[in-house]
């Protein structure tokens, strides 16, 4: 995220609604997720206490993402992460996860930028476009396998809802 531009302030009111002070309107968790994806710096402040609750809101977004579609975290990975709380290895595990996710994000962004730049240099070459697509597919499979091997990605079938 760009740390040089001022952070957008979102206030959370006691009625659990989020208010974007920059846009002067109420927003949803989906809107906040868009800010993350657009790399817009922001913070969420509890209107009543003045406390920064950005982490709590980000965790809510992760929960929503995990409940809809394919979850990224397997049950085993979540149980292992919970096991780190209260454990002497918690700090080391947190540092490792933070650094791993950052590295993964930077590599993915770099690859996407390279493919985009290459496509812009010669957009009429369908042969190159096909090769770039194959490379992107291979890269995504490699990333998926990396996440699976770390227990961070699972295609576990969702249980059927009981009637």
Protein backbone atom coordinates (compact mmCIF):
# COMPACT_ATOMS: atom_id res chain seq x y z
CA UNK A 1 0.00 0.00 0.00
CA UNK A 2 1.12 3.51 -0.71
CA UNK A 3 2.19 5.00 2.63
CA UNK A 4 2.90 8.49 1.23
CA UNK A 5 -0.72 9.40 0.55
CA UNK A 6 -2.98 10.15 3.50
CA UNK A 7 -5.04 7.28 4.79
CA UNK A 8 -8.74 7.24 4.09
CA UNK A 9 -10.63 7.20 7.39
CA UNK A 10 -13.63 4.95 7.79
CA UNK A 11 -15.62 5.25 10.99
CA UNK A 12 -17.57 2.40 12.49
CA UNK A 13 -20.66 3.58 14.32
CA UNK A 14 -22.34 1.79 17.26
CA UNK A 15 -25.09 0.63 14.86
CA UNK A 16 -22.29 -1.40 13.16
CA UNK A 17 -22.40 0.71 10.00
CA UNK A 18 -19.22 1.89 8.31
CA UNK A 19 -18.93 5.50 7.13
CA UNK A 20 -16.27 6.58 4.61
CA UNK A 21 -15.32 10.13 5.64
CA UNK A 22 -13.55 10.75 2.33
CA UNK A 23 -16.59 9.86 0.21
CA UNK A 24 -19.14 11.07 2.81
CA UNK A 25 -21.23 7.91 2.52
CA UNK A 26 -21.91 4.62 4.23
CA UNK A 27 -19.93 1.67 2.89
CA UNK A 28 -20.05 -2.11 3.19
CA UNK A 29 -17.34 -4.68 3.87
CA UNK A 30 -17.34 -5.29 0.12
CA UNK A 31 -16.47 -1.62 -0.44
CA UNK A 32 -13.64 -1.88 2.09
CA UNK A 33 -12.40 -5.03 0.29
CA UNK A 34 -12.26 -2.96 -2.93
CA UNK A 35 -10.05 -0.42 -1.15
CA UNK A 36 -7.68 -3.26 -0.24
CA UNK A 37 -7.63 -4.56 -3.81
CA UNK A 38 -7.03 -1.04 -5.15
CA UNK A 39 -4.22 -0.64 -2.59
CA UNK A 40 -5.87 2.47 -1.14
CA UNK A 41 -4.47 3.27 2.30
CA UNK A 42 -7.20 3.36 4.93
CA UNK A 43 -7.93 2.82 8.58
CA UNK A 44 -11.14 2.00 10.39
CA UNK A 45 -11.81 3.86 13.63
CA UNK A 46 -14.46 2.95 16.19
CA UNK A 47 -16.51 6.14 16.49
CA UNK A 48 -17.35 5.56 20.16
CA UNK A 49 -13.92 4.60 21.54
CA UNK A 50 -11.63 6.16 18.93
CA UNK A 51 -9.79 2.82 18.71
CA UNK A 52 -8.23 1.67 15.43
CA UNK A 53 -10.18 -1.48 14.50
CA UNK A 54 -8.78 -1.95 10.99
CA UNK A 55 -7.50 -5.47 11.81
CA UNK A 56 -10.95 -6.54 13.04
CA UNK A 57 -12.58 -5.33 9.82
CA UNK A 58 -9.94 -7.08 7.69
CA UNK A 59 -10.56 -10.31 9.62
CA UNK A 60 -14.31 -9.93 8.95
CA UNK A 61 -13.54 -9.59 5.22
CA UNK A 62 -11.40 -12.74 5.34
CA UNK A 63 -14.24 -14.61 7.06
CA UNK A 64 -16.66 -13.49 4.33
CA UNK A 65 -14.23 -14.60 1.64
CA UNK A 66 -13.70 -17.97 3.34
CA UNK A 67 -17.45 -18.58 3.60
CA UNK A 68 -18.15 -17.81 -0.05
CA UNK A 69 -16.52 -19.75 -2.84
CA UNK A 70 -13.38 -21.81 -2.36
CA UNK A 71 -11.70 -21.34 1.03
CA UNK A 72 -8.00 -20.53 1.06
CA UNK A 73 -7.32 -22.01 4.49
CA UNK A 74 -7.83 -25.70 5.20
CA UNK A 75 -9.27 -26.79 8.53
CA UNK A 76 -5.85 -28.20 9.47
CA UNK A 77 -4.11 -24.90 8.67
CA UNK A 78 -6.63 -22.94 10.76
CA UNK A 79 -6.22 -25.34 13.69
CA UNK A 80 -2.45 -25.04 13.45
CA UNK A 81 -2.63 -21.25 13.35
CA UNK A 82 -4.90 -21.23 16.42
CA UNK A 83 -2.35 -23.48 18.13
CA UNK A 84 0.29 -20.76 17.77
CA UNK A 85 -1.69 -18.39 20.03
CA UNK A 86 -0.32 -18.67 23.54
CA UNK A 87 2.63 -20.68 22.22
CA UNK A 88 6.21 -19.46 22.54
CA UNK A 89 6.57 -19.78 18.73
CA UNK A 90 3.73 -17.31 18.09
CA UNK A 91 5.98 -14.36 17.23
CA UNK A 92 8.17 -16.44 14.95
CA UNK A 93 5.12 -17.97 13.24
CA UNK A 94 3.60 -14.53 12.74
CA UNK A 95 6.81 -13.19 11.23
CA UNK A 96 7.10 -16.22 8.95
CA UNK A 97 3.48 -15.94 7.72
CA UNK A 98 3.77 -12.18 7.22
CA UNK A 99 7.02 -12.51 5.24
CA UNK A 100 5.75 -15.47 3.20
CA UNK A 101 2.52 -13.71 2.23
CA UNK A 102 4.43 -10.53 1.36
CA UNK A 103 6.90 -12.45 -0.82
CA UNK A 104 4.09 -14.36 -2.51
CA UNK A 105 2.19 -11.10 -3.19
CA UNK A 106 5.27 -9.35 -4.60
CA UNK A 107 6.11 -12.27 -6.90
CA UNK A 108 2.56 -12.50 -8.19
CA UNK A 109 2.41 -8.75 -8.80
CA UNK A 110 5.77 -8.79 -10.59
CA UNK A 111 4.70 -11.63 -12.88
CA UNK A 112 1.42 -9.92 -13.72
CA UNK A 113 3.27 -6.68 -14.49
CA UNK A 114 5.73 -8.52 -16.76
CA UNK A 115 2.94 -10.27 -18.67
CA UNK A 116 1.00 -7.01 -19.03
CA UNK A 117 4.08 -5.14 -20.26
CA UNK A 118 4.94 -7.89 -22.74
CA UNK A 119 1.38 -7.92 -24.08
CA UNK A 120 1.43 -4.14 -24.56
CA UNK A 121 4.69 -4.29 -26.50
CA UNK A 122 3.25 -6.62 -29.15
CA UNK A 123 -0.52 -7.04 -28.71
CA UNK A 124 -1.09 -8.47 -32.22
CA UNK A 125 1.00 -11.58 -31.69
CA UNK A 126 -1.53 -14.27 -30.85
CA UNK A 127 1.30 -16.77 -30.54
CA UNK A 128 2.85 -14.71 -27.78
CA UNK A 129 -0.53 -14.19 -26.14
CA UNK A 130 -1.11 -17.95 -26.06
CA UNK A 131 2.33 -18.56 -24.55
CA UNK A 132 1.75 -15.85 -21.96
CA UNK A 133 -1.59 -17.41 -21.01
CA UNK A 134 0.01 -20.85 -20.65
CA UNK A 135 2.78 -19.37 -18.51
CA UNK A 136 0.23 -17.56 -16.35
CA UNK A 137 -1.76 -20.81 -15.92
CA UNK A 138 1.43 -22.66 -14.95
CA UNK A 139 2.34 -19.90 -12.50
CA UNK A 140 -1.10 -20.02 -10.90
CA UNK A 141 -0.89 -23.82 -10.55
CA UNK A 142 2.55 -23.45 -8.99
CA UNK A 143 1.21 -20.87 -6.53
CA UNK A 144 -1.76 -23.11 -5.72
CA UNK A 145 0.58 -26.05 -5.08
CA UNK A 146 2.74 -23.84 -2.86
CA UNK A 147 -0.30 -22.81 -0.84
CA UNK A 148 -1.51 -26.43 -0.63
CA UNK A 149 1.87 -27.65 0.58
CA UNK A 150 1.78 -25.03 3.33
CA UNK A 151 -1.78 -26.02 4.26
CA UNK A 152 -3.06 -22.57 3.29
CA UNK A 153 -5.30 -23.59 0.42
CA UNK A 154 -7.88 -26.30 0.23
CA UNK A 155 -10.48 -27.41 -2.27
CA UNK A 156 -12.36 -29.27 0.46
CA UNK A 157 -15.98 -29.71 -0.58
CA UNK A 158 -18.37 -27.53 1.38
CA UNK A 159 -20.85 -29.54 3.42
CA UNK A 160 -24.37 -29.64 2.07
CA UNK A 161 -26.78 -27.47 4.10
CA UNK A 162 -29.14 -29.48 6.22
CA UNK A 163 -32.77 -29.22 5.25
